[in-house]
Amino acid sequence: MNSNNLYRILVVDDEETLCEALRYNLEAEGFTVDVAYSAEEALSLPLQSYSLILLDIMMGAISGMQFAEIIKSRADTTAIPVIFCTAKDAEDDMIKGLDLGADDYITKPYSVRNVLARVRTVLRRAGGESHIGSSVLSYRGVSLDTNSKLCKVDSEEIRLPRKEYELLQFFLENRGVIFSRDELLKRVWSDDVYVIDRVIDVHINRLRRKLGPYGRQIVTRSGYGYGFIE
């Protein structure tokens, strides 16, 4: 049995031809695929049943950004991975999408091969891959429960999108080591997916802010990279 049959994907885009092209290629890979031509139509579906959502930004009354805000605010859908596939390629749009908790951001025009690679990568991460044996990582007032995927700072729970969570987990597992951007891409992002340096910088800066006084432990070594230094 193709393991991809276990995954159900929702494509939300107001371009019918594009939706059908994505459906055809994703189904050829063994995924179960539904399409919705608007955010309104998507919201009428049992969203909690999907493994991943591919989402356009520029749609009708409810934009892709607004749709993402809605599903990330709902307890039954907040953990569903989201990949934006959009013609909006401005850096501010990308940053906003990542701030909403999106797992990836692909700009049009894109190759189907690229989309499929990113879908596989995000689904692997969402499948619960873990790099450690212990269920809790901690540093002073920061604790990370790798079973429940919860992070606490001074006993207060903070919400971390998947990439920020994985970065923090990686840093806590490798304290005292400086990693270049290329190394972070290979270890935290998949090496078969193109991610620009700016995406890494955005995630690290947001993570620092959320960690409060402990954010200063994530240091930048000019010319070398980033690390978690005690």
C-alpha atoms as a PDB file:
ATOM      1  CA  MET A   1       0.000   0.000   0.000  1.00  0.00           C
ATOM      2  CA  ASN A   2       1.287   3.449  -0.920  1.00  0.00           C
ATOM      3  CA  SER A   3       1.844   5.311   2.383  1.00  0.00           C
ATOM      4  CA  ASN A   4       0.624   8.503   0.703  1.00  0.00           C
ATOM      5  CA  ASN A   5      -2.868   6.988   0.712  1.00  0.00           C
ATOM      6  CA  LEU A   6      -2.934   7.774   4.413  1.00  0.00           C
ATOM      7  CA  TYR A   7      -2.857  11.517   3.681  1.00  0.00           C
ATOM      8  CA  ARG A   8      -5.792  13.688   2.643  1.00  0.00           C
ATOM      9  CA  ILE A   9      -4.980  17.067   1.112  1.00  0.00           C
ATOM     10  CA  LEU A  10      -7.210  20.085   0.499  1.00  0.00           C
ATOM     11  CA  VAL A  11      -6.359  22.518  -2.326  1.00  0.00           C
ATOM     12  CA  VAL A  12      -7.984  25.951  -1.924  1.00  0.00           C
ATOM     13  CA  ASP A  13      -7.617  28.253  -4.944  1.00  0.00           C
ATOM     14  CA  ASP A  14     -10.046  30.221  -7.111  1.00  0.00           C
ATOM     15  CA  GLU A  15      -8.230  29.158 -10.296  1.00  0.00           C
ATOM     16  CA  GLU A  16     -10.083  26.005 -11.331  1.00  0.00           C
ATOM     17  CA  THR A  17      -7.456  24.901 -13.857  1.00  0.00           C
ATOM     18  CA  LEU A  18      -4.691  25.177 -11.269  1.00  0.00           C
ATOM     19  CA  CYS A  19      -6.733  23.266  -8.695  1.00  0.00           C
ATOM     20  CA  GLU A  20      -7.350  20.432 -11.112  1.00  0.00           C
ATOM     21  CA  ALA A  21      -3.683  20.299 -12.146  1.00  0.00           C
ATOM     22  CA  LEU A  22      -2.615  20.028  -8.515  1.00  0.00           C
ATOM     23  CA  ARG A  23      -5.301  17.444  -7.828  1.00  0.00           C
ATOM     24  CA  TYR A  24      -4.204  15.322 -10.792  1.00  0.00           C
ATOM     25  CA  ASN A  25      -0.526  15.361  -9.838  1.00  0.00           C
ATOM     26  CA  LEU A  26      -1.108  14.832  -6.123  1.00  0.00           C
ATOM     27  CA  GLU A  27      -3.460  11.922  -6.807  1.00  0.00           C
ATOM     28  CA  ALA A  28      -0.838  10.460  -9.161  1.00  0.00           C
ATOM     29  CA  GLU A  29       1.444  10.383  -6.099  1.00  0.00           C
ATOM     30  CA  GLY A  30      -1.201   8.450  -4.174  1.00  0.00           C
ATOM     31  CA  PHE A  31      -2.679  11.262  -2.076  1.00  0.00           C
ATOM     32  CA  THR A  32      -6.411  11.695  -1.530  1.00  0.00           C
ATOM     33  CA  VAL A  33      -7.265  15.208  -2.721  1.00  0.00           C
ATOM     34  CA  ASP A  34     -10.245  17.551  -2.449  1.00  0.00           C
ATOM     35  CA  VAL A  35     -10.483  21.032  -3.947  1.00  0.00           C
ATOM     36  CA  ALA A  36     -12.352  24.179  -2.948  1.00  0.00           C
ATOM     37  CA  TYR A  37     -12.578  27.256  -5.167  1.00  0.00           C
ATOM     38  CA  SER A  38     -12.973  29.733  -2.307  1.00  0.00           C
ATOM     39  CA  ALA A  39     -12.242  30.025   1.387  1.00  0.00           C
ATOM     40  CA  GLU A  40     -15.983  30.092   2.017  1.00  0.00           C
ATOM     41  CA  GLU A  41     -16.389  26.730   0.298  1.00  0.00           C
ATOM     42  CA  ALA A  42     -13.416  25.325   2.205  1.00  0.00           C
ATOM     43  CA  LEU A  43     -14.895  26.400   5.545  1.00  0.00           C
ATOM     44  CA  SER A  44     -17.979  24.292   4.806  1.00  0.00           C
ATOM     45  CA  LEU A  45     -15.823  21.143   4.660  1.00  0.00           C
ATOM     46  CA  PRO A  46     -14.731  18.947   7.601  1.00  0.00           C
ATOM     47  CA  LEU A  47     -11.338  20.642   7.792  1.00  0.00           C
ATOM     48  CA  GLN A  48     -10.165  18.610  10.759  1.00  0.00           C
ATOM     49  CA  SER A  49     -10.052  15.545   8.483  1.00  0.00           C
ATOM     50  CA  TYR A  50      -7.247  16.919   6.291  1.00  0.00           C
ATOM     51  CA  SER A  51      -3.548  16.181   6.668  1.00  0.00           C
ATOM     52  CA  LEU A  52      -2.442  19.340   4.837  1.00  0.00           C
ATOM     53  CA  ILE A  53      -3.939  22.407   3.131  1.00  0.00           C
ATOM     54  CA  LEU A  54      -2.500  24.057  -0.002  1.00  0.00           C
ATOM     55  CA  LEU A  55      -3.788  27.614   0.038  1.00  0.00           C
ATOM     56  CA  ASP A  56      -3.872  30.596  -2.319  1.00  0.00           C
ATOM     57  CA  ILE A  57      -3.884  34.118  -0.835  1.00  0.00           C
ATOM     58  CA  MET A  58      -5.765  36.234  -3.356  1.00  0.00           C
ATOM     59  CA  MET A  59      -9.316  34.919  -3.431  1.00  0.00           C
ATOM     60  CA  GLY A  60     -12.794  36.343  -2.859  1.00  0.00           C
ATOM     61  CA  ALA A  61     -14.460  37.824   0.221  1.00  0.00           C
ATOM     62  CA  ILE A  62     -12.268  35.763   2.538  1.00  0.00           C
ATOM     63  CA  SER A  63      -8.590  35.860   1.561  1.00  0.00           C
ATOM     64  CA  GLY A  64      -6.145  33.031   2.075  1.00  0.00           C
ATOM     65  CA  MET A  65      -4.533  34.957   4.932  1.00  0.00           C
ATOM     66  CA  GLN A  66      -7.894  35.349   6.656  1.00  0.00           C
ATOM     67  CA  PHE A  67      -8.669  31.677   6.096  1.00  0.00           C
ATOM     68  CA  ALA A  68      -5.331  30.715   7.641  1.00  0.00           C
ATOM     69  CA  GLU A  69      -6.064  32.911  10.665  1.00  0.00           C
ATOM     70  CA  ILE A  70      -9.399  31.159  11.110  1.00  0.00           C
ATOM     71  CA  ILE A  71      -8.062  27.609  11.010  1.00  0.00           C
ATOM     72  CA  LYS A  72      -5.058  28.433  13.196  1.00  0.00           C
ATOM     73  CA  SER A  73      -7.414  29.895  15.816  1.00  0.00           C
ATOM     74  CA  ARG A  74      -9.581  26.756  15.979  1.00  0.00           C
ATOM     75  CA  ALA A  75      -8.539  24.002  18.361  1.00  0.00           C
ATOM     76  CA  ASP A  76      -9.579  21.249  15.945  1.00  0.00           C
ATOM     77  CA  THR A  77      -7.591  22.624  12.992  1.00  0.00           C
ATOM     78  CA  THR A  78      -4.673  24.585  14.465  1.00  0.00           C
ATOM     79  CA  ALA A  79      -2.214  21.722  13.975  1.00  0.00           C
ATOM     80  CA  ILE A  80      -3.021  21.145  10.282  1.00  0.00           C
ATOM     81  CA  PRO A  81       0.005  22.100   8.158  1.00  0.00           C
ATOM     82  CA  VAL A  82      -0.573  24.925   5.660  1.00  0.00           C
ATOM     83  CA  ILE A  83       1.435  25.688   2.526  1.00  0.00           C
ATOM     84  CA  PHE A  84       0.716  28.989   0.775  1.00  0.00           C
ATOM     85  CA  CYS A  85       0.885  28.746  -3.040  1.00  0.00           C
ATOM     86  CA  THR A  86       0.486  32.287  -4.280  1.00  0.00           C
ATOM     87  CA  ALA A  87       1.447  34.926  -6.815  1.00  0.00           C
ATOM     88  CA  LYS A  88       2.128  37.360  -3.947  1.00  0.00           C
ATOM     89  CA  ASP A  89       5.909  37.222  -3.811  1.00  0.00           C
ATOM     90  CA  ALA A  90       6.671  40.309  -1.730  1.00  0.00           C
ATOM     91  CA  GLU A  91       8.800  39.640   1.345  1.00  0.00           C
ATOM     92  CA  ASP A  92       6.191  41.258   3.628  1.00  0.00           C
ATOM     93  CA  ASP A  93       3.557  38.805   2.373  1.00  0.00           C
ATOM     94  CA  MET A  94       5.877  35.873   2.966  1.00  0.00           C
ATOM     95  CA  ILE A  95       6.670  37.044   6.491  1.00  0.00           C
ATOM     96  CA  LYS A  96       2.983  37.567   7.282  1.00  0.00           C
ATOM     97  CA  GLY A  97       2.180  34.077   6.044  1.00  0.00           C
ATOM     98  CA  LEU A  98       4.890  32.549   8.212  1.00  0.00           C
ATOM     99  CA  ASP A  99       3.736  34.632  11.182  1.00  0.00           C
ATOM    100  CA  LEU A 100       0.286  33.069  10.806  1.00  0.00           C
ATOM    101  CA  GLY A 101       1.866  29.663  11.307  1.00  0.00           C
ATOM    102  CA  ALA A 102       2.234  28.530   7.688  1.00  0.00           C
ATOM    103  CA  ASP A 103       4.700  25.690   7.184  1.00  0.00           C
ATOM    104  CA  ASP A 104       5.879  26.827   3.764  1.00  0.00           C
ATOM    105  CA  TYR A 105       5.372  29.577   1.205  1.00  0.00           C
ATOM    106  CA  ILE A 106       5.635  28.878  -2.543  1.00  0.00           C
ATOM    107  CA  THR A 107       5.363  31.650  -5.114  1.00  0.00           C
ATOM    108  CA  LYS A 108       3.787  31.278  -8.549  1.00  0.00           C
ATOM    109  CA  PRO A 109       4.710  30.279 -11.144  1.00  0.00           C
ATOM    110  CA  TYR A 110       5.992  27.086  -9.577  1.00  0.00           C
ATOM    111  CA  SER A 111       6.826  23.633 -10.854  1.00  0.00           C
ATOM    112  CA  VAL A 112       4.637  20.728  -9.830  1.00  0.00           C
ATOM    113  CA  ARG A 113       7.780  18.835  -8.878  1.00  0.00           C
ATOM    114  CA  ASN A 114       8.671  21.595  -6.404  1.00  0.00           C
ATOM    115  CA  VAL A 115       5.182  21.546  -4.876  1.00  0.00           C
ATOM    116  CA  LEU A 116       5.257  17.756  -4.502  1.00  0.00           C
ATOM    117  CA  ALA A 117       8.674  17.896  -2.814  1.00  0.00           C
ATOM    118  CA  ARG A 118       7.470  20.472  -0.322  1.00  0.00           C
ATOM    119  CA  VAL A 119       4.258  18.574   0.366  1.00  0.00           C
ATOM    120  CA  ARG A 120       6.218  15.403   1.133  1.00  0.00           C
ATOM    121  CA  THR A 121       8.606  17.330   3.384  1.00  0.00           C
ATOM    122  CA  VAL A 122       5.869  19.051   5.397  1.00  0.00           C
ATOM    123  CA  LEU A 123       3.930  15.804   5.803  1.00  0.00           C
ATOM    124  CA  ARG A 124       7.054  14.024   7.050  1.00  0.00           C
ATOM    125  CA  ARG A 125       7.514  16.683   9.707  1.00  0.00           C
ATOM    126  CA  ALA A 126       3.831  16.634  10.661  1.00  0.00           C
ATOM    127  CA  GLY A 127       4.036  12.867  11.004  1.00  0.00           C
ATOM    128  CA  GLY A 128       5.868  13.321  14.277  1.00  0.00           C
ATOM    129  CA  GLU A 129       9.474  12.801  13.368  1.00  0.00           C
ATOM    130  CA  SER A 130      11.507  13.356  16.521  1.00  0.00           C
ATOM    131  CA  HIS A 131      15.227  13.798  16.929  1.00  0.00           C
ATOM    132  CA  ILE A 132      15.440  12.975  20.619  1.00  0.00           C
ATOM    133  CA  GLY A 133      14.599  10.213  23.048  1.00  0.00           C
ATOM    134  CA  SER A 134      13.641  12.305  26.077  1.00  0.00           C
ATOM    135  CA  SER A 135      10.194  13.876  26.101  1.00  0.00           C
ATOM    136  CA  VAL A 136      11.273  17.161  27.730  1.00  0.00           C
ATOM    137  CA  LEU A 137      14.077  19.556  26.856  1.00  0.00           C
ATOM    138  CA  SER A 138      14.721  22.495  29.141  1.00  0.00           C
ATOM    139  CA  TYR A 139      16.962  25.451  29.788  1.00  0.00           C
ATOM    140  CA  ARG A 140      16.302  27.511  32.905  1.00  0.00           C
ATOM    141  CA  GLY A 141      12.731  28.801  32.477  1.00  0.00           C
ATOM    142  CA  VAL A 142      12.292  27.326  28.990  1.00  0.00           C
ATOM    143  CA  SER A 143      10.816  23.855  28.615  1.00  0.00           C
ATOM    144  CA  LEU A 144       9.892  21.958  25.465  1.00  0.00           C
ATOM    145  CA  ASP A 145       7.731  18.839  25.666  1.00  0.00           C
ATOM    146  CA  THR A 146       8.429  16.806  22.542  1.00  0.00           C
ATOM    147  CA  ASN A 147       5.428  14.539  23.083  1.00  0.00           C
ATOM    148  CA  SER A 148       2.743  17.203  23.481  1.00  0.00           C
ATOM    149  CA  LYS A 149       4.682  19.712  21.301  1.00  0.00           C
ATOM    150  CA  LEU A 150       4.193  22.412  23.934  1.00  0.00           C
ATOM    151  CA  CYS A 151       6.634  25.126  24.887  1.00  0.00           C
ATOM    152  CA  LYS A 152       6.607  27.008  28.187  1.00  0.00           C
ATOM    153  CA  VAL A 153       8.538  30.111  29.195  1.00  0.00           C
ATOM    154  CA  ASP A 154       8.580  30.715  32.949  1.00  0.00           C
ATOM    155  CA  SER A 155       5.631  28.302  33.299  1.00  0.00           C
ATOM    156  CA  GLU A 156       3.556  30.199  30.729  1.00  0.00           C
ATOM    157  CA  GLU A 157       2.621  28.297  27.585  1.00  0.00           C
ATOM    158  CA  ILE A 158       3.634  30.009  24.359  1.00  0.00           C
ATOM    159  CA  ARG A 159       2.452  29.085  20.897  1.00  0.00           C
ATOM    160  CA  LEU A 160       5.144  28.130  18.401  1.00  0.00           C
ATOM    161  CA  PRO A 161       4.442  27.337  14.743  1.00  0.00           C
ATOM    162  CA  ARG A 162       6.107  24.131  13.619  1.00  0.00           C
ATOM    163  CA  LYS A 163       9.278  25.666  12.184  1.00  0.00           C
ATOM    164  CA  GLU A 164       9.946  27.749  15.305  1.00  0.00           C
ATOM    165  CA  TYR A 165       9.307  24.682  17.448  1.00  0.00           C
ATOM    166  CA  GLU A 166      11.719  22.572  15.401  1.00  0.00           C
ATOM    167  CA  LEU A 167      14.381  25.274  15.487  1.00  0.00           C
ATOM    168  CA  LEU A 168      14.130  25.562  19.263  1.00  0.00           C
ATOM    169  CA  GLN A 169      14.227  21.794  19.655  1.00  0.00           C
ATOM    170  CA  PHE A 170      17.309  21.594  17.445  1.00  0.00           C
ATOM    171  CA  PHE A 171      19.062  24.404  19.307  1.00  0.00           C
ATOM    172  CA  LEU A 172      18.301  22.889  22.722  1.00  0.00           C
ATOM    173  CA  GLU A 173      19.636  19.537  21.557  1.00  0.00           C
ATOM    174  CA  ASN A 174      22.841  21.149  20.315  1.00  0.00           C
ATOM    175  CA  ARG A 175      23.687  23.831  22.867  1.00  0.00           C
ATOM    176  CA  GLY A 176      27.024  25.563  22.478  1.00  0.00           C
ATOM    177  CA  VAL A 177      27.330  24.773  18.762  1.00  0.00           C
ATOM    178  CA  ILE A 178      27.160  27.411  16.016  1.00  0.00           C
ATOM    179  CA  PHE A 179      25.423  26.300  12.829  1.00  0.00           C
ATOM    180  CA  SER A 180      25.616  27.994   9.449  1.00  0.00           C
ATOM    181  CA  ARG A 181      22.435  28.728   7.516  1.00  0.00           C
ATOM    182  CA  ASP A 182      23.261  25.832   5.177  1.00  0.00           C
ATOM    183  CA  GLU A 183      23.554  23.478   8.130  1.00  0.00           C
ATOM    184  CA  LEU A 184      20.234  24.679   9.542  1.00  0.00           C
ATOM    185  CA  LEU A 185      18.604  24.132   6.150  1.00  0.00           C
ATOM    186  CA  LYS A 186      19.885  20.550   6.042  1.00  0.00           C
ATOM    187  CA  ARG A 187      19.066  19.735   9.657  1.00  0.00           C
ATOM    188  CA  VAL A 188      15.789  21.590  10.227  1.00  0.00           C
ATOM    189  CA  TRP A 189      14.524  22.115   6.692  1.00  0.00           C
ATOM    190  CA  SER A 190      14.697  19.427   4.039  1.00  0.00           C
ATOM    191  CA  ASP A 191      17.715  19.647   1.756  1.00  0.00           C
ATOM    192  CA  ASP A 192      15.500  18.968  -1.285  1.00  0.00           C
ATOM    193  CA  VAL A 193      13.445  22.145  -0.765  1.00  0.00           C
ATOM    194  CA  TYR A 194      14.617  25.621  -1.703  1.00  0.00           C
ATOM    195  CA  VAL A 195      14.392  28.055   1.209  1.00  0.00           C
ATOM    196  CA  ILE A 196      15.937  31.523   1.087  1.00  0.00           C
ATOM    197  CA  ASP A 197      18.189  32.734   3.897  1.00  0.00           C
ATOM    198  CA  ARG A 198      15.670  35.412   4.843  1.00  0.00           C
ATOM    199  CA  VAL A 199      13.151  32.743   5.900  1.00  0.00           C
ATOM    200  CA  ILE A 200      15.626  31.360   8.443  1.00  0.00           C
ATOM    201  CA  ASP A 201      16.344  34.856   9.779  1.00  0.00           C
ATOM    202  CA  VAL A 202      12.619  35.596  10.167  1.00  0.00           C
ATOM    203  CA  HIS A 203      11.970  32.387  12.127  1.00  0.00           C
ATOM    204  CA  ILE A 204      14.945  32.945  14.431  1.00  0.00           C
ATOM    205  CA  ASN A 205      14.029  36.576  15.146  1.00  0.00           C
ATOM    206  CA  ARG A 206      10.449  35.634  15.974  1.00  0.00           C
ATOM    207  CA  LEU A 207      11.641  32.784  18.195  1.00  0.00           C
ATOM    208  CA  ARG A 208      13.932  35.132  20.112  1.00  0.00           C
ATOM    209  CA  ARG A 209      11.055  37.502  20.826  1.00  0.00           C
ATOM    210  CA  LYS A 210       8.789  34.725  22.057  1.00  0.00           C
ATOM    211  CA  LEU A 211      11.426  33.362  24.444  1.00  0.00           C
ATOM    212  CA  GLY A 212      11.585  36.695  26.261  1.00  0.00           C
ATOM    213  CA  PRO A 213      14.704  37.022  28.430  1.00  0.00           C
ATOM    214  CA  TYR A 214      15.970  33.649  27.183  1.00  0.00           C
ATOM    215  CA  GLY A 215      15.923  34.776  23.557  1.00  0.00           C
ATOM    216  CA  ARG A 216      19.370  36.262  24.020  1.00  0.00           C
ATOM    217  CA  GLN A 217      20.733  32.712  24.296  1.00  0.00           C
ATOM    218  CA  ILE A 218      20.145  32.322  20.552  1.00  0.00           C
ATOM    219  CA  VAL A 219      23.190  34.159  19.313  1.00  0.00           C
ATOM    220  CA  THR A 220      24.413  35.299  15.922  1.00  0.00           C
ATOM    221  CA  ARG A 221      28.075  34.842  15.079  1.00  0.00           C
ATOM    222  CA  SER A 222      28.743  37.110  12.127  1.00  0.00           C
ATOM    223  CA  GLY A 223      30.098  35.157   9.205  1.00  0.00           C
ATOM    224  CA  TYR A 224      29.370  31.813  10.889  1.00  0.00           C
ATOM    225  CA  GLY A 225      25.707  31.433  11.788  1.00  0.00           C
ATOM    226  CA  TYR A 226      23.456  30.829  14.790  1.00  0.00           C
ATOM    227  CA  GLY A 227      23.558  28.802  17.972  1.00  0.00           C
ATOM    228  CA  PHE A 228      22.098  28.421  21.470  1.00  0.00           C
ATOM    229  CA  ILE A 229      24.786  29.461  23.949  1.00  0.00           C
ATOM    230  CA  GLU A 230      24.343  28.987  27.693  1.00  0.00           C
END
